[in-house]
Protein backbone atom coordinates (compact mmCIF):
# COMPACT_ATOMS: atom_id res chain seq x y z
CA MET A 1 -68.37 50.16 23.36
CA CYS A 2 -66.01 47.22 23.75
CA GLU A 3 -64.16 49.12 26.46
CA PHE A 4 -67.46 49.80 28.23
CA ARG A 5 -68.34 46.11 28.12
CA ARG A 6 -64.97 45.16 29.57
CA LEU A 7 -65.43 47.72 32.34
CA LEU A 8 -68.96 46.46 33.04
CA ALA A 9 -67.72 42.85 33.15
CA TRP A 10 -64.95 43.86 35.56
CA PHE A 11 -67.40 45.53 37.98
CA CYS A 12 -69.67 42.47 37.78
CA PHE A 13 -66.69 40.27 38.59
CA LEU A 14 -65.60 42.33 41.60
CA PRO A 15 -68.30 40.97 44.01
CA LEU A 16 -67.35 37.42 43.04
CA LEU A 17 -63.70 38.19 43.64
CA ALA A 18 -64.50 39.70 47.04
CA ALA A 19 -66.62 36.69 47.96
CA CYS A 20 -63.80 34.32 47.02
CA HIS A 21 -61.41 36.37 49.12
CA ARG A 22 -63.76 36.27 52.11
CA ALA A 23 -64.28 32.53 51.76
CA SER A 24 -60.60 31.56 51.48
CA ASP A 25 -58.68 30.53 54.58
CA ARG A 26 -56.04 32.67 56.20
CA GLU A 27 -52.48 31.43 56.10
CA TRP A 28 -51.71 29.11 59.01
CA MET A 29 -49.12 30.81 61.23
CA GLY A 30 -48.15 27.80 63.36
CA THR A 31 -45.04 25.64 63.21
CA VAL A 32 -44.23 21.94 62.99
CA THR A 33 -40.99 20.63 64.48
CA ASP A 34 -39.50 17.22 65.16
CA SER A 35 -38.31 16.19 68.61
CA ALA A 36 -36.67 12.76 68.68
CA GLY A 37 -39.20 11.43 66.18
CA VAL A 38 -42.19 13.12 67.82
CA ARG A 39 -44.10 15.61 65.65
CA ILE A 40 -44.68 18.85 67.61
CA VAL A 41 -47.44 21.11 66.24
CA HIS A 42 -47.51 24.63 67.73
CA ASN A 43 -50.68 26.63 67.02
CA PRO A 44 -51.19 30.38 67.50
CA PRO A 45 -54.39 31.68 69.15
CA GLU A 46 -55.93 32.54 65.77
CA GLY A 47 -57.26 29.91 63.39
CA VAL A 48 -57.23 29.88 59.60
CA TRP A 49 -60.97 30.31 59.10
CA ASN A 50 -62.40 33.60 57.93
CA PRO A 51 -65.94 34.59 59.06
CA GLY A 52 -67.39 33.45 55.73
CA ASN A 53 -65.63 30.11 55.72
CA ARG A 54 -66.13 28.62 59.18
CA TRP A 55 -67.98 25.39 59.88
CA THR A 56 -71.57 25.66 61.07
CA VAL A 57 -74.27 23.22 62.20
CA THR A 58 -78.00 23.08 61.64
CA GLU A 59 -80.52 20.83 63.38
CA GLU A 60 -81.81 17.94 61.26
CA LEU A 61 -83.67 15.75 63.75
CA ARG A 62 -84.92 16.05 67.34
CA ILE A 63 -86.27 13.05 69.25
CA GLY A 64 -88.18 13.67 72.47
CA VAL A 65 -91.03 15.68 73.93
CA VAL A 66 -91.66 17.50 77.20
CA ALA A 67 -95.09 15.89 77.49
CA GLY A 68 -96.73 13.42 75.18
CA LYS A 69 -96.25 9.79 74.25
CA PRO A 70 -94.23 8.16 77.07
CA GLU A 71 -91.78 6.48 74.72
CA TYR A 72 -90.63 9.95 73.63
CA GLU A 73 -90.31 11.37 77.16
CA PHE A 74 -86.75 11.16 78.51
CA GLY A 75 -85.53 11.51 82.08
CA ALA A 76 -81.74 11.81 81.85
CA LEU A 77 -80.06 10.77 78.62
CA VAL A 78 -76.42 9.71 79.08
CA GLY A 79 -75.53 7.80 75.91
CA ILE A 80 -76.27 7.53 72.19
CA ASP A 81 -75.06 5.16 69.48
CA ILE A 82 -76.08 4.38 65.90
CA ASP A 83 -76.18 0.94 64.24
CA GLU A 84 -75.31 0.18 60.61
CA ALA A 85 -78.94 0.63 59.56
CA GLY A 86 -79.00 4.13 61.07
CA ASN A 87 -81.22 3.20 64.02
CA VAL A 88 -80.64 5.32 67.12
CA TYR A 89 -80.09 3.73 70.56
CA VAL A 90 -80.39 6.06 73.55
CA LEU A 91 -79.70 5.22 77.19
CA ASP A 92 -81.92 6.91 79.79
CA GLN A 93 -80.23 6.79 83.19
CA LEU A 94 -83.29 7.93 85.13
CA THR A 95 -85.73 5.36 83.77
CA GLN A 96 -82.97 2.74 83.38
CA VAL A 97 -83.99 1.71 79.88
CA VAL A 98 -82.64 1.74 76.33
CA ARG A 99 -84.95 3.10 73.65
CA VAL A 100 -84.49 2.52 69.94
CA PHE A 101 -85.64 4.88 67.18
CA HIS A 102 -85.59 4.76 63.40
CA SER A 103 -83.21 7.15 61.61
CA ASN A 104 -86.29 9.33 60.94
CA GLY A 105 -87.06 9.53 64.69
CA ALA A 106 -89.92 7.00 64.81
CA TYR A 107 -90.01 4.88 67.97
CA LEU A 108 -89.11 1.19 67.52
CA ASN A 109 -88.38 -0.57 70.83
CA THR A 110 -87.56 -0.37 74.55
CA PHE A 111 -85.47 -2.79 76.59
CA GLY A 112 -83.63 -2.97 79.89
CA GLY A 113 -85.63 -1.81 82.88
CA ALA A 114 -84.76 -1.21 86.53
CA GLY A 115 -83.45 -4.17 88.49
CA SER A 116 -80.57 -6.58 88.93
CA GLY A 117 -81.90 -9.57 86.99
CA PRO A 118 -80.79 -10.68 83.53
CA GLY A 119 -81.01 -7.78 81.11
CA GLU A 120 -82.08 -5.30 83.77
CA LEU A 121 -80.16 -2.12 84.57
CA GLY A 122 -79.11 -0.70 87.91
CA PRO A 123 -78.93 2.99 88.79
CA GLY A 124 -76.00 4.76 87.23
CA ALA A 125 -76.00 3.01 83.84
CA SER A 126 -73.65 5.28 81.93
CA GLY A 127 -72.65 4.09 78.49
CA ILE A 128 -74.08 2.42 75.38
CA TRP A 129 -72.32 1.14 72.26
CA ILE A 130 -73.07 -1.01 69.22
CA GLY A 131 -70.42 -3.73 69.24
CA PRO A 132 -68.59 -5.04 66.16
CA ASP A 133 -70.81 -8.13 66.28
CA GLY A 134 -74.00 -6.04 66.20
CA ARG A 135 -74.82 -6.62 69.87
CA VAL A 136 -75.72 -3.68 72.08
CA TRP A 137 -73.38 -3.06 75.03
CA VAL A 138 -74.54 -1.15 78.10
CA ALA A 139 -72.21 -0.27 80.98
CA ASP A 140 -74.23 -0.97 84.12
CA LEU A 141 -72.50 0.77 87.01
CA GLY A 142 -75.21 -0.04 89.55
CA ASN A 143 -74.83 -3.79 88.99
CA SER A 144 -71.04 -3.64 88.31
CA ARG A 145 -71.33 -5.39 84.97
CA LEU A 146 -71.48 -4.95 81.22
CA ASN A 147 -74.82 -6.05 79.74
CA PHE A 148 -75.20 -7.45 76.23
CA TYR A 149 -78.37 -7.35 74.12
CA LEU A 150 -79.24 -8.63 70.68
CA PRO A 151 -80.36 -5.93 68.21
CA ASP A 152 -84.01 -6.71 69.04
CA GLY A 153 -83.36 -6.02 72.74
CA THR A 154 -83.21 -9.63 73.93
CA SER A 155 -80.79 -10.04 76.84
CA ASP A 156 -77.65 -11.87 75.71
CA GLY A 157 -75.72 -12.20 78.96
CA SER A 158 -73.22 -10.01 80.76
CA PHE A 159 -69.81 -10.07 82.37
CA PRO A 160 -68.83 -8.60 85.75
CA LEU A 161 -66.66 -5.51 85.94
CA PRO A 162 -64.40 -5.54 89.03
CA LEU A 163 -64.99 -1.87 89.72
CA SER A 164 -64.75 -2.02 93.51
CA GLN A 165 -61.43 -3.85 93.49
CA LEU A 166 -58.60 -3.55 90.99
CA GLY A 167 -55.49 -5.40 92.10
CA GLY A 168 -56.52 -4.74 95.69
CA ALA A 169 -56.84 -1.00 95.11
CA LEU A 170 -60.09 0.87 94.94
CA GLY A 171 -60.99 1.70 91.36
CA THR A 172 -63.80 4.15 90.65
CA PRO A 173 -65.03 4.20 87.03
CA MET A 174 -64.88 7.69 85.54
CA ARG A 175 -65.45 7.11 81.81
CA TRP A 176 -66.10 4.27 79.38
CA THR A 177 -65.79 3.68 75.63
CA MET A 178 -65.45 0.81 73.19
CA SER A 179 -61.97 -0.10 71.97
CA HIS A 180 -61.10 -0.75 68.34
CA ASP A 181 -60.49 -4.39 69.20
CA GLY A 182 -64.04 -4.90 70.41
CA GLY A 183 -63.22 -4.56 74.09
CA LEU A 184 -64.23 -2.00 76.69
CA LEU A 185 -61.95 0.84 77.80
CA VAL A 186 -62.63 2.05 81.33
CA GLN A 187 -61.01 4.98 83.11
CA LEU A 188 -60.47 4.11 86.77
CA LEU A 189 -59.36 6.38 89.59
CA ILE A 190 -56.89 4.36 91.67
CA TYR A 191 -56.52 5.61 95.22
CA ALA A 192 -56.11 4.35 98.76
CA PRO A 193 -58.77 4.72 101.47
CA PRO A 194 -57.86 7.02 104.38
CA GLY A 195 -55.10 5.49 106.50
CA GLN A 196 -54.27 2.75 103.98
CA SER A 197 -51.63 2.31 101.31
CA LEU A 198 -51.89 0.84 97.85
CA PRO A 199 -50.69 -2.75 97.43
CA GLY A 200 -48.04 -4.00 95.06
CA GLY A 201 -46.28 -0.67 94.65
CA LEU A 202 -49.26 0.89 92.86
CA SER A 203 -49.34 4.67 92.68
CA PRO A 204 -52.46 6.83 92.83
CA GLY A 205 -53.65 7.94 89.44
CA TYR A 206 -56.03 7.41 86.56
CA ALA A 207 -55.58 4.13 84.70
CA ILE A 208 -57.21 3.41 81.34
CA VAL A 209 -57.68 -0.36 81.22
CA GLU A 210 -59.18 -2.55 78.52
CA PHE A 211 -61.54 -5.40 79.34
CA ASP A 212 -61.82 -8.10 76.70
CA ARG A 213 -65.17 -9.62 75.69
CA THR A 214 -65.05 -12.07 78.60
CA GLY A 215 -64.53 -9.42 81.30
CA VAL A 216 -60.78 -9.96 81.79
CA ILE A 217 -58.47 -6.95 81.96
CA ALA A 218 -56.38 -7.50 78.83
CA ASP A 219 -54.25 -4.34 78.87
CA THR A 220 -53.45 -1.09 80.65
CA VAL A 221 -53.63 1.41 77.81
CA HIS A 222 -52.52 4.56 79.61
CA VAL A 223 -51.84 5.93 83.09
CA PHE A 224 -52.35 9.56 84.06
CA PRO A 225 -50.73 11.10 87.15
CA PHE A 226 -52.83 11.50 90.25
CA ASP A 227 -55.31 14.35 90.16
CA PRO A 228 -55.43 16.15 93.53
CA SER A 229 -58.94 17.44 92.84
CA VAL A 230 -60.28 14.74 95.19
CA GLU A 231 -58.49 14.25 98.46
CA SER A 232 -59.24 13.09 101.97
CA SER A 233 -58.23 14.75 105.20
CA GLY A 234 -59.22 13.47 108.60
CA GLY A 235 -61.74 11.13 107.04
CA ARG A 236 -63.57 13.97 105.28
CA GLY A 237 -63.43 14.25 101.52
CA ARG A 238 -62.49 17.52 99.82
CA ILE A 239 -62.98 18.48 96.20
CA THR A 240 -60.90 21.12 94.45
CA LEU A 241 -63.03 22.50 91.65
CA PHE A 242 -61.33 23.18 88.30
CA SER A 243 -58.19 21.16 89.03
CA ALA A 244 -56.55 19.47 86.08
CA SER A 245 -58.30 16.31 84.97
CA PRO A 246 -57.49 13.62 82.37
CA VAL A 247 -59.09 13.85 78.94
CA TRP A 248 -58.84 11.11 76.31
CA ASP A 249 -60.41 9.60 73.22
CA LEU A 250 -59.67 7.07 70.47
CA ALA A 251 -58.94 8.13 66.90
CA PRO A 252 -60.39 6.04 64.03
CA ASP A 253 -56.97 4.51 63.30
CA GLY A 254 -56.54 3.31 66.89
CA THR A 255 -54.43 6.26 68.05
CA PHE A 256 -54.95 7.03 71.74
CA VAL A 257 -55.32 10.79 72.30
CA SER A 258 -54.71 12.15 75.80
CA ALA A 259 -54.23 15.32 77.82
CA MET A 260 -54.24 16.78 81.29
CA ASN A 261 -56.31 19.91 80.73
CA SER A 262 -54.25 22.24 82.94
CA THR A 263 -52.49 23.28 79.70
CA TYR A 264 -53.46 23.33 76.03
CA ARG A 265 -51.36 20.31 75.12
CA VAL A 266 -52.72 17.13 73.51
CA ALA A 267 -50.65 13.97 72.99
CA PHE A 268 -51.15 11.28 70.35
CA TRP A 269 -50.00 7.70 71.02
CA SER A 270 -49.66 4.82 68.58
CA ARG A 271 -51.37 1.50 69.25
CA ASP A 272 -48.08 0.11 70.58
CA GLY A 273 -47.79 2.97 73.10
CA ARG A 274 -45.31 5.28 71.31
CA LEU A 275 -45.74 9.05 71.53
CA THR A 276 -46.04 10.23 67.92
CA GLN A 277 -47.41 13.79 68.04
CA VAL A 278 -47.99 16.64 70.45
CA LEU A 279 -50.46 19.41 69.58
CA THR A 280 -50.35 22.74 71.42
CA ARG A 281 -52.18 26.03 71.13
CA GLU A 282 -51.24 29.35 72.69
CA SER A 283 -53.79 30.28 75.32
CA THR A 284 -54.10 32.18 78.58
CA LEU A 285 -55.71 30.45 81.54
CA LYS A 286 -58.56 32.43 83.07
CA VAL A 287 -58.30 33.17 86.80
CA VAL A 288 -61.02 31.90 89.14
CA THR A 289 -62.08 35.17 90.78
CA ASP A 290 -63.65 35.67 94.20
CA ALA A 291 -66.86 36.67 92.43
CA ASP A 292 -66.78 33.36 90.53
CA LYS A 293 -66.31 31.40 93.74
CA GLU A 294 -69.20 33.19 95.43
CA ALA A 295 -71.52 32.65 92.46
CA ILE A 296 -70.65 28.95 92.25
CA LEU A 297 -71.08 28.29 95.96
CA GLN A 298 -74.43 30.10 95.94
CA SER A 299 -75.55 27.99 93.00
CA LEU A 300 -74.46 24.74 94.66
CA GLY A 301 -76.10 25.77 97.92
CA ALA A 302 -79.39 26.43 96.14
CA LEU A 303 -79.12 23.04 94.44
CA TYR A 304 -78.51 21.18 97.71
CA THR A 305 -81.39 23.05 99.35
CA LYS A 306 -83.67 22.15 96.45
CA TYR A 307 -83.03 18.47 97.17
CA GLY A 308 -84.16 18.82 100.78
CA ASN A 309 -80.90 19.29 102.69
CA PRO A 310 -81.23 21.34 105.89
CA PRO A 311 -79.13 24.54 106.13
CA ALA A 312 -76.52 23.02 108.47
CA ARG A 313 -75.88 20.13 106.11
CA VAL A 314 -75.71 22.46 103.12
CA GLN A 315 -72.97 24.47 104.86
CA ARG A 316 -70.99 21.32 105.60
CA GLN A 317 -71.29 20.23 101.99
CA LEU A 318 -70.10 23.59 100.70
CA GLN A 319 -67.12 23.55 103.06
CA ALA A 320 -65.88 20.46 101.24
CA PHE A 321 -65.17 22.56 98.13
CA SER A 322 -62.06 24.54 97.38
CA PHE A 323 -60.96 26.12 94.10
CA ALA A 324 -57.97 25.92 91.80
CA GLU A 325 -56.34 29.25 90.97
CA THR A 326 -57.32 29.03 87.29
CA TYR A 327 -59.86 27.30 85.11
CA PRO A 328 -58.70 24.41 82.89
CA ALA A 329 -57.40 25.22 79.43
CA PHE A 330 -60.33 23.26 77.97
CA LEU A 331 -62.94 20.78 79.17
CA THR A 332 -62.86 17.74 76.88
CA PHE A 333 -62.38 16.68 73.26
CA LEU A 334 -63.62 14.28 70.56
CA VAL A 335 -61.84 12.78 67.55
CA ALA A 336 -63.95 12.73 64.38
CA ASP A 337 -63.93 9.82 61.94
CA GLU A 338 -61.82 11.76 59.41
CA GLY A 339 -59.21 12.55 62.08
CA SER A 340 -60.06 16.13 63.05
CA LEU A 341 -59.86 17.01 66.76
CA TRP A 342 -62.76 18.88 68.43
CA VAL A 343 -61.85 20.57 71.73
CA GLN A 344 -64.54 22.01 74.01
CA GLN A 345 -63.86 25.47 75.43
CA ILE A 346 -64.49 26.50 79.04
CA GLN A 347 -67.51 28.56 80.09
CA THR A 348 -67.23 30.71 83.22
CA PRO A 349 -69.97 32.23 85.43
CA ASP A 350 -69.75 35.65 83.80
CA GLN A 351 -70.63 34.07 80.43
CA MET A 352 -73.93 32.64 81.66
CA PRO A 353 -77.21 34.28 80.58
CA PRO A 354 -78.49 36.95 83.01
CA GLY A 355 -80.11 35.35 86.04
CA GLY A 356 -78.73 31.90 85.25
CA ASP A 357 -77.14 29.79 87.99
CA PHE A 358 -73.71 28.31 87.26
CA ASN A 359 -73.45 24.63 88.18
CA PRO A 360 -69.80 23.56 87.66
CA MET A 361 -70.94 19.98 87.04
CA ASP A 362 -73.18 20.94 84.10
CA ASP A 363 -72.23 24.40 82.90
CA LEU A 364 -68.42 24.41 82.72
CA GLY A 365 -68.48 23.30 79.08
CA SER A 366 -69.00 26.07 76.53
CA ASN A 367 -70.98 25.70 73.30
CA GLY A 368 -67.79 26.81 71.51
CA TRP A 369 -65.42 24.07 70.27
CA ASP A 370 -61.93 24.55 68.81
CA ILE A 371 -61.47 22.54 65.60
CA PHE A 372 -58.10 21.17 64.45
CA ASP A 373 -57.62 19.36 61.14
CA LYS A 374 -56.02 15.92 60.93
CA GLU A 375 -52.61 17.56 60.56
CA GLY A 376 -53.07 19.38 63.88
CA ARG A 377 -53.63 22.87 62.42
CA TYR A 378 -56.06 25.07 64.35
CA LEU A 379 -58.94 25.97 62.02
CA GLY A 380 -61.22 28.01 64.26
CA GLU A 381 -64.27 27.91 66.51
CA LEU A 382 -67.41 25.86 65.84
CA LEU A 383 -70.50 27.00 67.76
CA PHE A 384 -73.13 24.49 68.84
CA PRO A 385 -76.65 25.46 69.95
CA GLU A 386 -76.96 26.34 73.64
CA GLY A 387 -77.62 23.27 75.76
CA PHE A 388 -76.29 20.79 73.19
CA THR A 389 -73.57 18.24 74.04
CA PRO A 390 -72.07 16.33 71.08
CA LEU A 391 -71.42 12.64 71.75
CA LYS A 392 -70.90 10.93 68.41
CA LEU A 393 -69.51 12.21 65.10
CA VAL A 394 -70.55 10.23 62.01
CA GLY A 395 -69.47 11.85 58.75
CA ASP A 396 -71.30 15.17 58.59
CA SER A 397 -73.80 14.12 61.27
CA VAL A 398 -73.26 15.20 64.88
CA TRP A 399 -75.34 13.22 67.39
CA GLY A 400 -75.76 14.51 70.90
CA ILE A 401 -77.99 15.37 73.81
CA ALA A 402 -79.85 18.69 74.00
CA ARG A 403 -81.18 20.15 77.24
CA ASP A 404 -83.78 22.93 77.18
CA GLU A 405 -84.44 25.67 79.74
CA LEU A 406 -86.84 23.35 81.60
CA GLY A 407 -84.19 20.63 81.89
CA ALA A 408 -85.90 18.28 79.41
CA HIS A 409 -83.59 16.05 77.37
CA TYR A 410 -83.67 15.30 73.65
CA ALA A 411 -81.64 13.15 71.27
CA VAL A 412 -80.58 15.49 68.45
CA ARG A 413 -78.84 15.10 65.10
CA LEU A 414 -77.12 18.15 63.64
CA MET A 415 -75.84 18.47 60.08
CA LEU A 416 -72.29 19.81 59.81
CA MET A 417 -71.75 22.34 57.03
CA ARG A 418 -68.12 22.65 55.84
CA PRO A 419 -67.81 25.48 53.28
CA SER A 420 -65.10 24.83 50.72
CA SER A 421 -62.27 27.36 50.47
């Protein structure tokens, strides 16, 4: 009888043992080496997660409606930030306003509005942050300035951003974010107009500069080499789709994280500009096929036609595009507050749903993200819902913008589930 009980207990324990085995991580097969004081982390294609132990997300909150109360209807959301009380600030580029919602999604306030007067926003407003002093910062591209607001939405001044001239060279803003010192980091494309040269020995490229709180450029944080994806020939601009482009973010400790996405290689820089770590992952670049090119040009042509361009103009616009031989290794990345790196995979036309048009401006980013822990080890793939773009990572909350099949926008909070091994 005792033997039977032991046998019964063993069979009861077997499912638990199997579950523990399924949940545990695989052994990491990468390597870490040192190169002149720089930590080099090489990752294989496979991560350490098993199917039963990968991170997942579930939707907790959705703000917005297709039709209903106007304060919940969004045109084109481009930015989200959260204050210390958990209130949600969203920037709508189409309506040129900021709307504020309680952490439970209830509407609280609207400020901004179209125009060029104090506190108003021009077209192309493209970034919103809660500053260290509690003020709300909004990057106002249309008015070439940074607007400040008190938490209640009252205008609190602005400072000009010299975006049309940077040391005599044209500087086109490409991305913005807040620095850890309470300044504004701006990515500028430095280039010379056709037939002109850059002054002062400047070279074409992407410069990440920091504006202090008075609007003065306090530092050049990083410089990327020139990206030939935009070039000019005979006065006519040309765009090479899928060329390498700069990707960067700030880690919580002030580390600057950068890459040119032609290869799966990410660099980490200390606050004093020293290269401290390089993270790589084995990957094979996907070739841009003739079928891909045809599908993309057809999609762009349909888009231009939709906006009222006559056929001759559509053809001229399409002739401005050429293609790189391969897609980028990845699209972009984010650094979470605990130091993990989230890298967005590439989506290609053949991965689109049947009948869907592929717009390289909107659809190149996949809903699959590669996750690396703070040590640089590749964990595995995290899948987001279709149409969701993460913008801000706060603990186990992932804030972002969701776009449905009708093109409507929503501010969404997802809960991140991290099963323990």
